[in-house]
Amino acid sequence: MPFNSLQGPMPTEQAMQEVLAEIQGGNFETIDEINDFLNKKLLNPTPKKAPSSNKDRAQQMIYEAMEVQGAKRYKLAEEALNLDPNCIDAYVILAENASTPEEAMVLSKKGMEIGKKELGKDFFKENKGHFWMILETRPYMRAKANYAETLYELELGIVAIKEYEELLELNPNDNQGIRYKLFPVYLETGNLLEAEKLLRQYEEKTAHGLYNKLLLELCKNGFSANAAKLLKEAKKANPHVIPFLTDKNSIPMFLPKGYRLGDESEAIIYADEHFQFWEKIEGLQKWLKKQ
């Protein structure tokens, strides 16, 4: 699994965008005709058509930028913005390279507001609940997620919660992994009830799901019998987490780009995101040694 889930699988999205453009530009009258077209395309792929507008050319540059790192990434984003001043994803990428969290917040917010205006109020009402499945919403969703993240970095947790919750309302399937970002903000702001609701909504037998369930129990009820039970379940799902939470293993400076469930890579990413909450629990290491 990719570590940064906010952006999504860009190559897949790019391919979907290209096929959608061909379908929209074709003279198809029935679903059967579209299916025939797709089947023929799978059997006999045709060369990619050059983008026909500045908006399309800008988005093509963004897809290229998402596949590279460093100066080239940000140069492509700037070029995309020159072609299309309303290129939302360009603002998302440039926010990564911002010199301050405040600047990142401004850039992300600008992209988000452009997306909101382009989609329109009626679109939000009609498509709420399955937003991510509509390709044209994704730049807006990425910008909004980045905006929420910068708010949290600026210690504006209450405002960040609102943005994250709105993202989950628009897309309860949570393809972006917003729930993993929202849970720590709930803890940081003392919203334990909302944190509990979130874990129930997204019941997961993974390190994030099970260790967060344990973490919440420890915050609410201390070293209870239920906490001991939850610890066993969590260790069964990924035994590598505890050594990182107790400083037996150090969290590496460079995090994995992806992770496998039950693997040490998953443990590193979980510990990096949640260590600050675990270290606040007095007597944790002593309790863990007894279990």
Protein backbone atom coordinates (compact mmCIF):
# COMPACT_ATOMS: atom_id res chain seq x y z
CA MET A 1 0.00 0.00 0.00
CA PRO A 2 1.23 3.54 -0.68
CA PHE A 3 2.18 5.52 2.42
CA ASN A 4 0.73 8.81 1.18
CA SER A 5 -2.86 7.93 0.34
CA LEU A 6 -4.04 11.51 -0.10
CA GLN A 7 -2.98 11.64 -3.74
CA GLY A 8 -4.20 8.26 -4.91
CA PRO A 9 -2.86 6.09 -7.76
CA MET A 10 -2.11 8.77 -10.34
CA PRO A 11 -1.18 6.51 -13.31
CA THR A 12 -4.57 4.77 -13.00
CA GLU A 13 -6.36 8.09 -12.73
CA GLN A 14 -4.53 9.41 -15.78
CA ALA A 15 -5.51 6.37 -17.85
CA MET A 16 -9.14 6.72 -16.73
CA GLN A 17 -9.10 10.40 -17.63
CA GLU A 18 -7.78 9.67 -21.13
CA VAL A 19 -10.40 6.99 -21.80
CA LEU A 20 -13.18 9.22 -20.46
CA ALA A 21 -12.09 12.02 -22.79
CA GLU A 22 -12.27 9.64 -25.76
CA ILE A 23 -15.73 8.45 -24.77
CA GLN A 24 -16.97 12.03 -24.34
CA GLY A 25 -15.53 12.96 -27.73
CA GLY A 26 -17.09 9.96 -29.48
CA ASN A 27 -20.54 9.59 -31.02
CA PHE A 28 -21.81 6.82 -28.79
CA GLU A 29 -25.56 6.38 -28.43
CA THR A 30 -25.81 3.31 -26.21
CA ILE A 31 -23.95 1.59 -23.37
CA ASP A 32 -23.29 -1.37 -25.69
CA GLU A 33 -21.44 0.90 -28.12
CA ILE A 34 -19.27 2.22 -25.28
CA ASN A 35 -18.54 -1.33 -24.09
CA ASP A 36 -17.55 -2.37 -27.62
CA PHE A 37 -15.23 0.63 -27.81
CA LEU A 38 -13.59 -0.23 -24.47
CA ASN A 39 -13.12 -3.89 -25.42
CA LYS A 40 -11.48 -2.94 -28.71
CA LYS A 41 -9.25 -0.47 -26.91
CA LEU A 42 -8.09 -3.15 -24.49
CA LEU A 43 -7.29 -5.56 -27.32
CA ASN A 44 -5.72 -2.94 -29.62
CA PRO A 45 -4.37 0.04 -27.64
CA THR A 46 -4.07 3.18 -29.75
CA PRO A 47 -1.42 5.91 -29.37
CA LYS A 48 -2.30 8.63 -26.88
CA LYS A 49 -3.85 11.73 -28.39
CA ALA A 50 -2.16 15.05 -27.70
CA PRO A 51 -4.14 17.28 -25.29
CA SER A 52 -6.32 19.69 -27.25
CA SER A 53 -6.65 22.56 -24.73
CA ASN A 54 -4.44 24.39 -22.25
CA LYS A 55 -6.49 22.90 -19.41
CA ASP A 56 -5.83 19.36 -20.68
CA ARG A 57 -2.15 20.12 -21.34
CA ALA A 58 -1.81 21.48 -17.80
CA GLN A 59 -3.38 18.34 -16.31
CA GLN A 60 -1.03 16.20 -18.39
CA MET A 61 1.91 18.07 -16.86
CA ILE A 62 0.46 17.45 -13.41
CA TYR A 63 0.31 13.70 -14.02
CA GLU A 64 3.97 13.86 -15.08
CA ALA A 65 4.82 15.91 -11.98
CA MET A 66 3.14 13.37 -9.70
CA GLU A 67 5.59 10.72 -10.97
CA VAL A 68 8.79 12.65 -10.21
CA GLN A 69 10.42 14.30 -7.21
CA GLY A 70 12.51 17.41 -6.57
CA ALA A 71 12.90 20.52 -8.69
CA LYS A 72 11.40 18.97 -11.83
CA ARG A 73 8.17 18.23 -9.96
CA TYR A 74 7.68 21.86 -8.94
CA LYS A 75 8.80 23.22 -12.30
CA LEU A 76 6.12 21.14 -14.04
CA ALA A 77 3.52 22.42 -11.56
CA GLU A 78 4.51 26.03 -12.29
CA GLU A 79 4.34 25.42 -16.03
CA ALA A 80 0.91 23.84 -15.61
CA LEU A 81 -0.26 26.91 -13.70
CA ASN A 82 1.01 29.18 -16.46
CA LEU A 83 -1.07 27.23 -18.97
CA ASP A 84 -4.13 27.04 -16.73
CA PRO A 85 -4.34 29.48 -13.77
CA ASN A 86 -7.19 27.32 -12.41
CA CYS A 87 -5.14 24.09 -12.34
CA ILE A 88 -6.02 22.87 -8.85
CA ASP A 89 -3.42 20.11 -8.61
CA ALA A 90 -0.67 22.62 -9.43
CA TYR A 91 -1.50 24.45 -6.20
CA VAL A 92 -1.48 21.13 -4.32
CA ILE A 93 2.03 20.30 -5.57
CA LEU A 94 3.40 23.80 -4.99
CA ALA A 95 2.06 23.69 -1.44
CA GLU A 96 4.44 20.78 -0.79
CA ASN A 97 7.37 23.08 -1.61
CA ALA A 98 6.11 26.04 0.43
CA SER A 99 8.64 27.63 2.76
CA THR A 100 6.17 27.89 5.67
CA PRO A 101 2.99 26.07 6.77
CA GLU A 102 1.13 29.37 6.33
CA GLU A 103 2.15 29.56 2.68
CA ALA A 104 1.19 25.91 2.16
CA MET A 105 -2.21 26.63 3.70
CA VAL A 106 -2.82 29.59 1.37
CA LEU A 107 -1.89 27.57 -1.74
CA SER A 108 -4.01 24.57 -0.75
CA LYS A 109 -6.95 26.79 0.12
CA LYS A 110 -6.74 28.58 -3.22
CA GLY A 111 -6.83 25.28 -5.09
CA MET A 112 -9.71 24.07 -2.94
CA GLU A 113 -11.76 27.22 -3.55
CA ILE A 114 -11.18 27.04 -7.31
CA GLY A 115 -12.41 23.44 -7.28
CA LYS A 116 -15.45 24.29 -5.20
CA LYS A 117 -16.42 27.09 -7.58
CA GLU A 118 -15.88 25.00 -10.73
CA LEU A 119 -17.95 22.08 -9.45
CA GLY A 120 -20.79 24.27 -8.20
CA LYS A 121 -23.24 23.93 -5.29
CA ASP A 122 -25.68 21.68 -7.16
CA PHE A 123 -22.90 19.23 -8.04
CA PHE A 124 -22.05 18.82 -4.34
CA LYS A 125 -25.69 18.12 -3.44
CA GLU A 126 -26.21 15.64 -6.28
CA ASN A 127 -22.99 13.66 -5.82
CA LYS A 128 -22.41 13.72 -2.08
CA GLY A 129 -21.56 10.22 -0.90
CA HIS A 130 -19.56 9.03 -3.91
CA PHE A 131 -17.40 12.02 -4.78
CA TRP A 132 -14.10 10.22 -5.35
CA MET A 133 -15.63 7.98 -8.00
CA ILE A 134 -16.11 11.05 -10.23
CA LEU A 135 -12.71 11.92 -11.70
CA GLU A 136 -13.30 15.66 -11.94
CA THR A 137 -13.69 15.91 -8.15
CA ARG A 138 -10.28 14.48 -7.29
CA PRO A 139 -8.15 17.64 -7.61
CA TYR A 140 -10.60 19.40 -5.26
CA MET A 141 -10.46 16.48 -2.81
CA ARG A 142 -6.66 16.51 -2.84
CA ALA A 143 -6.54 20.27 -2.24
CA LYS A 144 -9.05 20.05 0.62
CA ALA A 145 -7.11 17.21 2.27
CA ASN A 146 -3.87 19.18 2.04
CA TYR A 147 -5.61 22.25 3.41
CA ALA A 148 -6.85 20.28 6.43
CA GLU A 149 -3.38 18.87 7.02
CA THR A 150 -1.77 22.32 7.05
CA LEU A 151 -4.44 23.57 9.45
CA TYR A 152 -3.49 20.78 11.83
CA GLU A 153 0.20 21.67 11.49
CA LEU A 154 -0.69 25.25 12.40
CA GLU A 155 -2.46 23.93 15.54
CA LEU A 156 -5.89 24.79 14.17
CA GLY A 157 -7.25 21.35 14.99
CA ILE A 158 -10.91 22.32 15.35
CA VAL A 159 -10.96 23.83 11.86
CA ALA A 160 -9.02 20.86 10.45
CA ILE A 161 -11.65 18.49 11.89
CA LYS A 162 -14.40 20.29 9.97
CA GLU A 163 -12.51 19.90 6.68
CA TYR A 164 -11.71 16.22 7.28
CA GLU A 165 -15.30 15.43 8.30
CA GLU A 166 -16.62 17.12 5.16
CA LEU A 167 -14.29 14.96 3.05
CA LEU A 168 -15.68 11.81 4.66
CA GLU A 169 -19.25 13.02 4.10
CA LEU A 170 -18.49 13.55 0.42
CA ASN A 171 -16.78 10.17 0.14
CA PRO A 172 -17.56 7.71 2.97
CA ASN A 173 -15.54 5.01 1.17
CA ASP A 174 -12.51 7.13 2.08
CA ASN A 175 -10.21 6.28 -0.81
CA GLN A 176 -7.86 9.01 0.43
CA GLY A 177 -7.33 7.54 3.90
CA ILE A 178 -8.74 10.62 5.62
CA ARG A 179 -9.73 8.54 8.67
CA TYR A 180 -6.05 8.00 9.46
CA LYS A 181 -5.51 11.77 9.50
CA LEU A 182 -8.66 12.58 11.43
CA PHE A 183 -8.20 10.16 14.36
CA PRO A 184 -5.03 11.87 15.70
CA VAL A 185 -6.72 15.28 15.45
CA TYR A 186 -9.66 13.99 17.50
CA LEU A 187 -7.21 12.80 20.18
CA GLU A 188 -5.25 16.05 20.08
CA THR A 189 -8.43 18.08 20.64
CA GLY A 190 -9.91 15.73 23.25
CA ASN A 191 -12.78 14.52 21.07
CA LEU A 192 -12.65 10.94 22.35
CA LEU A 193 -16.32 10.25 21.62
CA GLU A 194 -15.88 11.24 17.98
CA ALA A 195 -12.67 9.19 17.80
CA GLU A 196 -14.61 6.15 19.01
CA LYS A 197 -17.35 6.72 16.42
CA LEU A 198 -14.72 6.96 13.70
CA LEU A 199 -13.15 3.63 14.68
CA ARG A 200 -16.57 1.99 14.68
CA GLN A 201 -17.35 3.44 11.26
CA TYR A 202 -14.13 2.07 9.81
CA GLU A 203 -13.63 -1.23 11.64
CA GLU A 204 -10.22 -2.56 10.56
CA LYS A 205 -8.08 -5.51 11.61
CA THR A 206 -4.88 -3.59 10.78
CA ALA A 207 -2.22 -1.86 12.87
CA HIS A 208 -4.01 1.48 12.50
CA GLY A 209 -7.39 0.05 13.42
CA LEU A 210 -6.38 -2.22 16.32
CA TYR A 211 -3.64 -0.12 17.93
CA ASN A 212 -5.83 2.96 17.75
CA LYS A 213 -8.62 1.01 19.42
CA LEU A 214 -6.17 0.12 22.19
CA LEU A 215 -4.87 3.68 22.38
CA LEU A 216 -8.40 5.03 22.80
CA GLU A 217 -9.16 2.49 25.56
CA LEU A 218 -5.99 3.51 27.42
CA CYS A 219 -6.91 7.19 27.12
CA LYS A 220 -10.42 6.57 28.43
CA ASN A 221 -10.04 3.77 31.00
CA GLY A 222 -6.34 3.24 31.61
CA PHE A 223 -4.81 -0.24 31.95
CA SER A 224 -8.12 -2.10 32.05
CA ALA A 225 -8.82 -5.77 31.38
CA ASN A 226 -10.25 -4.73 28.04
CA ALA A 227 -6.98 -2.93 27.23
CA ALA A 228 -5.04 -6.18 27.85
CA LYS A 229 -7.40 -8.00 25.49
CA LEU A 230 -7.06 -5.33 22.82
CA LEU A 231 -3.26 -5.43 23.13
CA LYS A 232 -3.24 -9.16 22.31
CA GLU A 233 -5.38 -8.58 19.23
CA ALA A 234 -3.18 -5.71 18.07
CA LYS A 235 0.07 -7.65 18.58
CA LYS A 236 -1.38 -10.54 16.62
CA ALA A 237 -2.07 -8.21 13.67
CA ASN A 238 1.39 -6.61 13.83
CA PRO A 239 3.91 -7.51 16.57
CA HIS A 240 6.47 -5.00 15.25
CA VAL A 241 4.63 -1.91 16.55
CA ILE A 242 5.35 -2.25 20.30
CA PRO A 243 9.19 -2.06 20.03
CA PHE A 244 8.84 1.28 18.20
CA LEU A 245 6.38 2.64 20.77
CA THR A 246 8.67 1.68 23.68
CA ASP A 247 11.87 3.07 22.12
CA LYS A 248 13.36 -0.40 21.82
CA ASN A 249 13.53 0.28 18.08
CA SER A 250 14.10 3.77 16.69
CA ILE A 251 11.81 5.19 14.04
CA PRO A 252 14.04 5.73 10.97
CA MET A 253 14.63 9.22 9.61
CA PHE A 254 13.42 8.20 6.14
CA LEU A 255 10.02 6.52 6.18
CA PRO A 256 9.06 3.68 3.80
CA LYS A 257 7.33 4.78 0.58
CA GLY A 258 4.81 2.01 1.07
CA TYR A 259 3.95 -0.78 3.51
CA ARG A 260 2.61 -4.30 3.81
CA LEU A 261 0.05 -5.29 6.42
CA GLY A 262 1.67 -7.02 9.39
CA ASP A 263 5.13 -5.96 8.23
CA GLU A 264 7.70 -3.78 10.01
CA SER A 265 7.09 -1.10 7.37
CA GLU A 266 3.48 -0.77 8.57
CA ALA A 267 4.71 -0.56 12.18
CA ILE A 268 7.15 2.25 11.34
CA ILE A 269 4.49 4.34 9.65
CA TYR A 270 1.97 3.78 12.45
CA ALA A 271 4.50 4.61 15.19
CA ASP A 272 5.67 7.74 13.39
CA GLU A 273 2.12 9.07 13.15
CA HIS A 274 1.04 8.19 16.72
CA PHE A 275 4.12 8.11 18.95
CA GLN A 276 3.31 11.50 20.49
CA PHE A 277 0.06 10.09 21.94
CA TRP A 278 1.54 6.85 23.26
CA GLU A 279 4.43 8.57 25.04
CA LYS A 280 1.97 10.64 27.09
CA ILE A 281 0.54 7.53 28.77
CA GLU A 282 2.23 7.22 32.18
CA GLY A 283 3.38 3.74 33.13
CA LEU A 284 2.90 2.40 29.60
CA GLN A 285 6.24 0.60 29.30
CA LYS A 286 5.85 -1.06 32.71
CA TRP A 287 2.36 -2.25 31.77
CA LEU A 288 3.51 -3.56 28.38
CA LYS A 289 6.27 -5.63 29.99
CA LYS A 290 3.69 -7.40 32.13
CA GLN A 291 1.54 -8.41 29.19
